[in-house]
Amino acid sequence: MSDTPVKIIVDLSKPAGERESIVPLTAEEIAEREQMAIQAQAEQEAREAEAAAKAAAKASALAKLEALGLTEAEALAIVGA
């Protein structure tokens, strides 16, 4: 079997047993899928960075509130944790 990715096309207008056909992807389809994978990875990394920044900001806010003399429970109530 070749290393070329394939797609399965299902044509429900054909009789059972003849509906599925396996077709190799074109170079354009392969390039498009690779680009989509790169974009998905970048979006995932952006979401993770945003979550980390939010967590850091929340921790900083809690530390500042506690430094002002609030208890941890009071600080959490203000920050919304």
PDB file of N, CA and C in Angstrom:
ATOM      1  N   MET A   1       0.839  -1.175   0.000  1.00  0.00           N
ATOM      2  CA  MET A   1       0.000   0.000   0.000  1.00  0.00           C
ATOM      3  C   MET A   1       0.884   1.238   0.000  1.00  0.00           C
ATOM      4  N   SER A   2       0.450   2.283  -0.679  1.00  0.00           N
ATOM      5  CA  SER A   2       1.272   3.483  -0.795  1.00  0.00           C
ATOM      6  C   SER A   2       1.144   4.358   0.443  1.00  0.00           C
ATOM      7  N   ASP A   3       2.051   5.330   0.546  1.00  0.00           N
ATOM      8  CA  ASP A   3       2.036   6.257   1.671  1.00  0.00           C
ATOM      9  C   ASP A   3       1.167   7.474   1.397  1.00  0.00           C
ATOM     10  N   THR A   4       0.569   7.533   0.221  1.00  0.00           N
ATOM     11  CA  THR A   4      -0.285   8.660  -0.129  1.00  0.00           C
ATOM     12  C   THR A   4      -1.574   8.594   0.669  1.00  0.00           C
ATOM     13  N   PRO A   5      -1.936   9.690   1.352  1.00  0.00           N
ATOM     14  CA  PRO A   5      -3.202   9.697   2.085  1.00  0.00           C
ATOM     15  C   PRO A   5      -4.376   9.514   1.119  1.00  0.00           C
ATOM     16  N   VAL A   6      -5.430   8.941   1.630  1.00  0.00           N
ATOM     17  CA  VAL A   6      -6.608   8.684   0.802  1.00  0.00           C
ATOM     18  C   VAL A   6      -7.849   9.240   1.473  1.00  0.00           C
ATOM     19  N   LYS A   7      -8.907   9.345   0.692  1.00  0.00           N
ATOM     20  CA  LYS A   7     -10.212   9.723   1.221  1.00  0.00           C
ATOM     21  C   LYS A   7     -11.211   8.688   0.737  1.00  0.00           C
ATOM     22  N   ILE A   8     -12.257   8.519   1.510  1.00  0.00           N
ATOM     23  CA  ILE A   8     -13.315   7.584   1.140  1.00  0.00           C
ATOM     24  C   ILE A   8     -14.516   8.410   0.702  1.00  0.00           C
ATOM     25  N   ILE A   9     -15.003   8.119  -0.487  1.00  0.00           N
ATOM     26  CA  ILE A   9     -16.175   8.801  -1.017  1.00  0.00           C
ATOM     27  C   ILE A   9     -17.332   7.820  -0.973  1.00  0.00           C
ATOM     28  N   VAL A  10     -18.434   8.247  -0.372  1.00  0.00           N
ATOM     29  CA  VAL A  10     -19.625   7.401  -0.269  1.00  0.00           C
ATOM     30  C   VAL A  10     -20.702   8.015  -1.144  1.00  0.00           C
ATOM     31  N   ASP A  11     -21.183   7.241  -2.112  1.00  0.00           N
ATOM     32  CA  ASP A  11     -22.233   7.680  -3.028  1.00  0.00           C
ATOM     33  C   ASP A  11     -23.467   6.828  -2.762  1.00  0.00           C
ATOM     34  N   LEU A  12     -24.432   7.383  -2.053  1.00  0.00           N
ATOM     35  CA  LEU A  12     -25.612   6.622  -1.665  1.00  0.00           C
ATOM     36  C   LEU A  12     -26.567   6.362  -2.820  1.00  0.00           C
ATOM     37  N   SER A  13     -26.315   6.960  -3.964  1.00  0.00           N
ATOM     38  CA  SER A  13     -27.174   6.702  -5.106  1.00  0.00           C
ATOM     39  C   SER A  13     -26.827   5.376  -5.778  1.00  0.00           C
ATOM     40  N   LYS A  14     -25.698   4.788  -5.413  1.00  0.00           N
ATOM     41  CA  LYS A  14     -25.276   3.504  -5.994  1.00  0.00           C
ATOM     42  C   LYS A  14     -25.778   2.367  -5.122  1.00  0.00           C
ATOM     43  N   PRO A  15     -25.864   1.152  -5.677  1.00  0.00           N
ATOM     44  CA  PRO A  15     -26.309   0.009  -4.880  1.00  0.00           C
ATOM     45  C   PRO A  15     -25.291  -0.358  -3.798  1.00  0.00           C
ATOM     46  N   ALA A  16     -25.772  -1.007  -2.751  1.00  0.00           N
ATOM     47  CA  ALA A  16     -24.909  -1.430  -1.653  1.00  0.00           C
ATOM     48  C   ALA A  16     -23.759  -2.257  -2.205  1.00  0.00           C
ATOM     49  N   GLY A  17     -22.581  -2.065  -1.651  1.00  0.00           N
ATOM     50  CA  GLY A  17     -21.398  -2.768  -2.122  1.00  0.00           C
ATOM     51  C   GLY A  17     -20.627  -1.988  -3.171  1.00  0.00           C
ATOM     52  N   GLU A  18     -21.271  -1.010  -3.783  1.00  0.00           N
ATOM     53  CA  GLU A  18     -20.612  -0.181  -4.796  1.00  0.00           C
ATOM     54  C   GLU A  18     -20.584   1.284  -4.380  1.00  0.00           C
ATOM     55  N   ARG A  19     -21.001   1.572  -3.162  1.00  0.00           N
ATOM     56  CA  ARG A  19     -21.134   2.959  -2.713  1.00  0.00           C
ATOM     57  C   ARG A  19     -19.810   3.598  -2.331  1.00  0.00           C
ATOM     58  N   GLU A  20     -18.885   2.833  -1.786  1.00  0.00           N
ATOM     59  CA  GLU A  20     -17.644   3.393  -1.289  1.00  0.00           C
ATOM     60  C   GLU A  20     -16.553   3.311  -2.346  1.00  0.00           C
ATOM     61  N   SER A  21     -15.809   4.379  -2.463  1.00  0.00           N
ATOM     62  CA  SER A  21     -14.627   4.346  -3.316  1.00  0.00           C
ATOM     63  C   SER A  21     -13.500   5.067  -2.586  1.00  0.00           C
ATOM     64  N   ILE A  22     -12.317   4.483  -2.659  1.00  0.00           N
ATOM     65  CA  ILE A  22     -11.137   5.038  -2.003  1.00  0.00           C
ATOM     66  C   ILE A  22     -10.322   5.763  -3.063  1.00  0.00           C
ATOM     67  N   VAL A  23     -10.068   7.042  -2.810  1.00  0.00           N
ATOM     68  CA  VAL A  23      -9.401   7.894  -3.792  1.00  0.00           C
ATOM     69  C   VAL A  23      -8.196   8.553  -3.132  1.00  0.00           C
ATOM     70  N   PRO A  24      -7.030   8.526  -3.772  1.00  0.00           N
ATOM     71  CA  PRO A  24      -5.863   9.225  -3.207  1.00  0.00           C
ATOM     72  C   PRO A  24      -6.103  10.741  -3.189  1.00  0.00           C
ATOM     73  N   LEU A  25      -5.575  11.391  -2.176  1.00  0.00           N
ATOM     74  CA  LEU A  25      -5.680  12.845  -2.103  1.00  0.00           C
ATOM     75  C   LEU A  25      -4.762  13.484  -3.134  1.00  0.00           C
ATOM     76  N   THR A  26      -5.193  14.613  -3.644  1.00  0.00           N
ATOM     77  CA  THR A  26      -4.349  15.353  -4.573  1.00  0.00           C
ATOM     78  C   THR A  26      -3.290  16.119  -3.775  1.00  0.00           C
ATOM     79  N   ALA A  27      -2.286  16.611  -4.460  1.00  0.00           N
ATOM     80  CA  ALA A  27      -1.237  17.395  -3.798  1.00  0.00           C
ATOM     81  C   ALA A  27      -1.836  18.628  -3.139  1.00  0.00           C
ATOM     82  N   GLU A  28      -2.835  19.237  -3.771  1.00  0.00           N
ATOM     83  CA  GLU A  28      -3.485  20.414  -3.198  1.00  0.00           C
ATOM     84  C   GLU A  28      -4.224  20.058  -1.915  1.00  0.00           C
ATOM     85  N   GLU A  29      -4.912  18.916  -1.898  1.00  0.00           N
ATOM     86  CA  GLU A  29      -5.631  18.482  -0.700  1.00  0.00           C
ATOM     87  C   GLU A  29      -4.671  18.167   0.442  1.00  0.00           C
ATOM     88  N   ILE A  30      -3.560  17.551   0.115  1.00  0.00           N
ATOM     89  CA  ILE A  30      -2.555  17.236   1.135  1.00  0.00           C
ATOM     90  C   ILE A  30      -1.989  18.534   1.709  1.00  0.00           C
ATOM     91  N   ALA A  31      -1.662  19.492   0.837  1.00  0.00           N
ATOM     92  CA  ALA A  31      -1.124  20.776   1.291  1.00  0.00           C
ATOM     93  C   ALA A  31      -2.146  21.515   2.146  1.00  0.00           C
ATOM     94  N   GLU A  32      -3.417  21.459   1.754  1.00  0.00           N
ATOM     95  CA  GLU A  32      -4.472  22.120   2.522  1.00  0.00           C
ATOM     96  C   GLU A  32      -4.592  21.503   3.913  1.00  0.00           C
ATOM     97  N   ARG A  33      -4.544  20.184   3.994  1.00  0.00           N
ATOM     98  CA  ARG A  33      -4.638  19.516   5.296  1.00  0.00           C
ATOM     99  C   ARG A  33      -3.431  19.830   6.174  1.00  0.00           C
ATOM    100  N   GLU A  34      -2.260  19.898   5.576  1.00  0.00           N
ATOM    101  CA  GLU A  34      -1.066  20.250   6.342  1.00  0.00           C
ATOM    102  C   GLU A  34      -1.179  21.681   6.874  1.00  0.00           C
ATOM    103  N   GLN A  35      -1.682  22.588   6.031  1.00  0.00           N
ATOM    104  CA  GLN A  35      -1.865  23.977   6.454  1.00  0.00           C
ATOM    105  C   GLN A  35      -2.901  24.062   7.574  1.00  0.00           C
ATOM    106  N   MET A  36      -3.961  23.291   7.476  1.00  0.00           N
ATOM    107  CA  MET A  36      -4.993  23.273   8.515  1.00  0.00           C
ATOM    108  C   MET A  36      -4.417  22.746   9.830  1.00  0.00           C
ATOM    109  N   ALA A  37      -3.545  21.756   9.757  1.00  0.00           N
ATOM    110  CA  ALA A  37      -2.921  21.211  10.963  1.00  0.00           C
ATOM    111  C   ALA A  37      -2.004  22.246  11.615  1.00  0.00           C
ATOM    112  N   ILE A  38      -1.260  22.982  10.809  1.00  0.00           N
ATOM    113  CA  ILE A  38      -0.382  24.035  11.322  1.00  0.00           C
ATOM    114  C   ILE A  38      -1.220  25.124  11.996  1.00  0.00           C
ATOM    115  N   GLN A  39      -2.314  25.511  11.348  1.00  0.00           N
ATOM    116  CA  GLN A  39      -3.192  26.544  11.906  1.00  0.00           C
ATOM    117  C   GLN A  39      -3.829  26.067  13.211  1.00  0.00           C
ATOM    118  N   ALA A  40      -4.264  24.822  13.249  1.00  0.00           N
ATOM    119  CA  ALA A  40      -4.875  24.282  14.472  1.00  0.00           C
ATOM    120  C   ALA A  40      -3.869  24.269  15.617  1.00  0.00           C
ATOM    121  N   GLN A  41      -2.632  23.917  15.323  1.00  0.00           N
ATOM    122  CA  GLN A  41      -1.581  23.906  16.343  1.00  0.00           C
ATOM    123  C   GLN A  41      -1.334  25.318  16.871  1.00  0.00           C
ATOM    124  N   ALA A  42      -1.286  26.292  15.978  1.00  0.00           N
ATOM    125  CA  ALA A  42      -1.066  27.683  16.392  1.00  0.00           C
ATOM    126  C   ALA A  42      -2.227  28.183  17.251  1.00  0.00           C
ATOM    127  N   GLU A  43      -3.450  27.826  16.874  1.00  0.00           N
ATOM    128  CA  GLU A  43      -4.617  28.235  17.655  1.00  0.00           C
ATOM    129  C   GLU A  43      -4.598  27.590  19.040  1.00  0.00           C
ATOM    130  N   GLN A  44      -4.197  26.331  19.109  1.00  0.00           N
ATOM    131  CA  GLN A  44      -4.110  25.635  20.393  1.00  0.00           C
ATOM    132  C   GLN A  44      -3.070  26.303  21.292  1.00  0.00           C
ATOM    133  N   GLU A  45      -1.920  26.638  20.726  1.00  0.00           N
ATOM    134  CA  GLU A  45      -0.869  27.300  21.490  1.00  0.00           C
ATOM    135  C   GLU A  45      -1.342  28.673  21.982  1.00  0.00           C
ATOM    136  N   ALA A  46      -2.110  29.387  21.159  1.00  0.00           N
ATOM    137  CA  ALA A  46      -2.634  30.696  21.566  1.00  0.00           C
ATOM    138  C   ALA A  46      -3.621  30.540  22.721  1.00  0.00           C
ATOM    139  N   ARG A  47      -4.489  29.521  22.651  1.00  0.00           N
ATOM    140  CA  ARG A  47      -5.437  29.276  23.740  1.00  0.00           C
ATOM    141  C   ARG A  47      -4.708  28.932  25.036  1.00  0.00           C
ATOM    142  N   GLU A  48      -3.667  28.121  24.933  1.00  0.00           N
ATOM    143  CA  GLU A  48      -2.899  27.743  26.120  1.00  0.00           C
ATOM    144  C   GLU A  48      -2.174  28.952  26.715  1.00  0.00           C
ATOM    145  N   ALA A  49      -1.618  29.813  25.860  1.00  0.00           N
ATOM    146  CA  ALA A  49      -0.928  31.011  26.336  1.00  0.00           C
ATOM    147  C   ALA A  49      -1.919  31.956  27.011  1.00  0.00           C
ATOM    148  N   GLU A  50      -3.110  32.088  26.445  1.00  0.00           N
ATOM    149  CA  GLU A  50      -4.133  32.947  27.040  1.00  0.00           C
ATOM    150  C   GLU A  50      -4.558  32.414  28.408  1.00  0.00           C
ATOM    151  N   ALA A  51      -4.731  31.103  28.516  1.00  0.00           N
ATOM    152  CA  ALA A  51      -5.109  30.503  29.797  1.00  0.00           C
ATOM    153  C   ALA A  51      -4.007  30.700  30.833  1.00  0.00           C
ATOM    154  N   ALA A  52      -2.761  30.570  30.428  1.00  0.00           N
ATOM    155  CA  ALA A  52      -1.646  30.768  31.347  1.00  0.00           C
ATOM    156  C   ALA A  52      -1.577  32.224  31.805  1.00  0.00           C
ATOM    157  N   ALA A  53      -1.820  33.158  30.894  1.00  0.00           N
ATOM    158  CA  ALA A  53      -1.798  34.573  31.249  1.00  0.00           C
ATOM    159  C   ALA A  53      -2.926  34.902  32.232  1.00  0.00           C
ATOM    160  N   LYS A  54      -4.093  34.316  31.997  1.00  0.00           N
ATOM    161  CA  LYS A  54      -5.214  34.541  32.921  1.00  0.00           C
ATOM    162  C   LYS A  54      -4.889  33.998  34.307  1.00  0.00           C
ATOM    163  N   ALA A  55      -4.308  32.816  34.352  1.00  0.00           N
ATOM    164  CA  ALA A  55      -3.962  32.203  35.637  1.00  0.00           C
ATOM    165  C   ALA A  55      -2.915  33.045  36.365  1.00  0.00           C
ATOM    166  N   ALA A  56      -1.953  33.566  35.634  1.00  0.00           N
ATOM    167  CA  ALA A  56      -0.919  34.401  36.246  1.00  0.00           C
ATOM    168  C   ALA A  56      -1.516  35.700  36.773  1.00  0.00           C
ATOM    169  N   ALA A  57      -2.419  36.302  36.013  1.00  0.00           N
ATOM    170  CA  ALA A  57      -3.058  37.542  36.450  1.00  0.00           C
ATOM    171  C   ALA A  57      -3.911  37.297  37.693  1.00  0.00           C
ATOM    172  N   LYS A  58      -4.588  36.185  37.717  1.00  0.00           N
ATOM    173  CA  LYS A  58      -5.424  35.853  38.876  1.00  0.00           C
ATOM    174  C   LYS A  58      -4.560  35.639  40.119  1.00  0.00           C
ATOM    175  N   ALA A  59      -3.468  34.919  39.959  1.00  0.00           N
ATOM    176  CA  ALA A  59      -2.562  34.681  41.086  1.00  0.00           C
ATOM    177  C   ALA A  59      -1.971  35.995  41.576  1.00  0.00           C
ATOM    178  N   SER A  60      -1.626  36.886  40.660  1.00  0.00           N
ATOM    179  CA  SER A  60      -1.081  38.190  41.035  1.00  0.00           C
ATOM    180  C   SER A  60      -2.118  39.007  41.801  1.00  0.00           C
ATOM    181  N   ALA A  61      -3.347  38.982  41.314  1.00  0.00           N
ATOM    182  CA  ALA A  61      -4.414  39.726  41.988  1.00  0.00           C
ATOM    183  C   ALA A  61      -4.649  39.187  43.392  1.00  0.00           C
ATOM    184  N   LEU A  62      -4.656  37.874  43.527  1.00  0.00           N
ATOM    185  CA  LEU A  62      -4.846  37.276  44.853  1.00  0.00           C
ATOM    186  C   LEU A  62      -3.713  37.681  45.800  1.00  0.00           C
ATOM    187  N   ALA A  63      -2.485  37.643  45.312  1.00  0.00           N
ATOM    188  CA  ALA A  63      -1.337  38.006  46.149  1.00  0.00           C
ATOM    189  C   ALA A  63      -1.423  39.466  46.579  1.00  0.00           C
ATOM    190  N   LYS A  64      -1.831  40.354  45.680  1.00  0.00           N
ATOM    191  CA  LYS A  64      -1.934  41.774  46.009  1.00  0.00           C
ATOM    192  C   LYS A  64      -3.042  42.018  47.033  1.00  0.00           C
ATOM    193  N   LEU A  65      -4.175  41.325  46.868  1.00  0.00           N
ATOM    194  CA  LEU A  65      -5.269  41.488  47.820  1.00  0.00           C
ATOM    195  C   LEU A  65      -4.886  40.965  49.201  1.00  0.00           C
ATOM    196  N   GLU A  66      -4.182  39.844  49.221  1.00  0.00           N
ATOM    197  CA  GLU A  66      -3.735  39.298  50.504  1.00  0.00           C
ATOM    198  C   GLU A  66      -2.694  40.220  51.154  1.00  0.00           C
ATOM    199  N   ALA A  67      -1.888  40.878  50.330  1.00  0.00           N
ATOM    200  CA  ALA A  67      -0.892  41.813  50.861  1.00  0.00           C
ATOM    201  C   ALA A  67      -1.566  43.032  51.500  1.00  0.00           C
ATOM    202  N   LEU A  68      -2.770  43.329  51.040  1.00  0.00           N
ATOM    203  CA  LEU A  68      -3.524  44.444  51.622  1.00  0.00           C
ATOM    204  C   LEU A  68      -4.176  44.068  52.952  1.00  0.00           C
ATOM    205  N   GLY A  69      -4.087  42.785  53.318  1.00  0.00           N
ATOM    206  CA  GLY A  69      -4.629  42.353  54.598  1.00  0.00           C
ATOM    207  C   GLY A  69      -5.892  41.526  54.504  1.00  0.00           C
ATOM    208  N   LEU A  70      -6.346  41.237  53.300  1.00  0.00           N
ATOM    209  CA  LEU A  70      -7.532  40.401  53.165  1.00  0.00           C
ATOM    210  C   LEU A  70      -7.162  38.940  53.411  1.00  0.00           C
ATOM    211  N   THR A  71      -8.135  38.187  53.889  1.00  0.00           N
ATOM    212  CA  THR A  71      -7.883  36.748  54.039  1.00  0.00           C
ATOM    213  C   THR A  71      -7.966  36.110  52.655  1.00  0.00           C
ATOM    214  N   GLU A  72      -7.489  34.889  52.576  1.00  0.00           N
ATOM    215  CA  GLU A  72      -7.527  34.190  51.297  1.00  0.00           C
ATOM    216  C   GLU A  72      -8.965  34.033  50.824  1.00  0.00           C
ATOM    217  N   ALA A  73      -9.890  33.738  51.721  1.00  0.00           N
ATOM    218  CA  ALA A  73     -11.302  33.588  51.357  1.00  0.00           C
ATOM    219  C   ALA A  73     -11.869  34.883  50.817  1.00  0.00           C
ATOM    220  N   GLU A  74     -11.529  36.010  51.452  1.00  0.00           N
ATOM    221  CA  GLU A  74     -12.018  37.315  50.987  1.00  0.00           C
ATOM    222  C   GLU A  74     -11.437  37.643  49.618  1.00  0.00           C
ATOM    223  N   ALA A  75     -10.157  37.376  49.448  1.00  0.00           N
ATOM    224  CA  ALA A  75      -9.510  37.650  48.164  1.00  0.00           C
ATOM    225  C   ALA A  75     -10.119  36.799  47.066  1.00  0.00           C
ATOM    226  N   LEU A  76     -10.380  35.528  47.371  1.00  0.00           N
ATOM    227  CA  LEU A  76     -10.995  34.648  46.376  1.00  0.00           C
ATOM    228  C   LEU A  76     -12.400  35.117  46.024  1.00  0.00           C
ATOM    229  N   ALA A  77     -13.124  35.634  47.011  1.00  0.00           N
ATOM    230  CA  ALA A  77     -14.479  36.142  46.748  1.00  0.00           C
ATOM    231  C   ALA A  77     -14.452  37.334  45.812  1.00  0.00           C
ATOM    232  N   ILE A  78     -13.448  38.177  45.950  1.00  0.00           N
ATOM    233  CA  ILE A  78     -13.339  39.356  45.093  1.00  0.00           C
ATOM    234  C   ILE A  78     -12.909  38.965  43.683  1.00  0.00           C
ATOM    235  N   VAL A  79     -11.914  38.096  43.613  1.00  0.00           N
ATOM    236  CA  VAL A  79     -11.369  37.704  42.303  1.00  0.00           C
ATOM    237  C   VAL A  79     -12.336  36.792  41.570  1.00  0.00           C
ATOM    238  N   GLY A  80     -13.171  36.087  42.293  1.00  0.00           N
ATOM    239  CA  GLY A  80     -14.152  35.227  41.640  1.00  0.00           C
ATOM    240  C   GLY A  80     -13.638  33.819  41.395  1.00  0.00           C
ATOM    241  N   ALA A  81     -12.793  33.330  42.289  1.00  0.00           N
ATOM    242  CA  ALA A  81     -12.268  31.987  42.116  1.00  0.00           C
ATOM    243  C   ALA A  81     -13.188  30.958  42.721  1.00  0.00           C
TER     244      ALA A  81
END
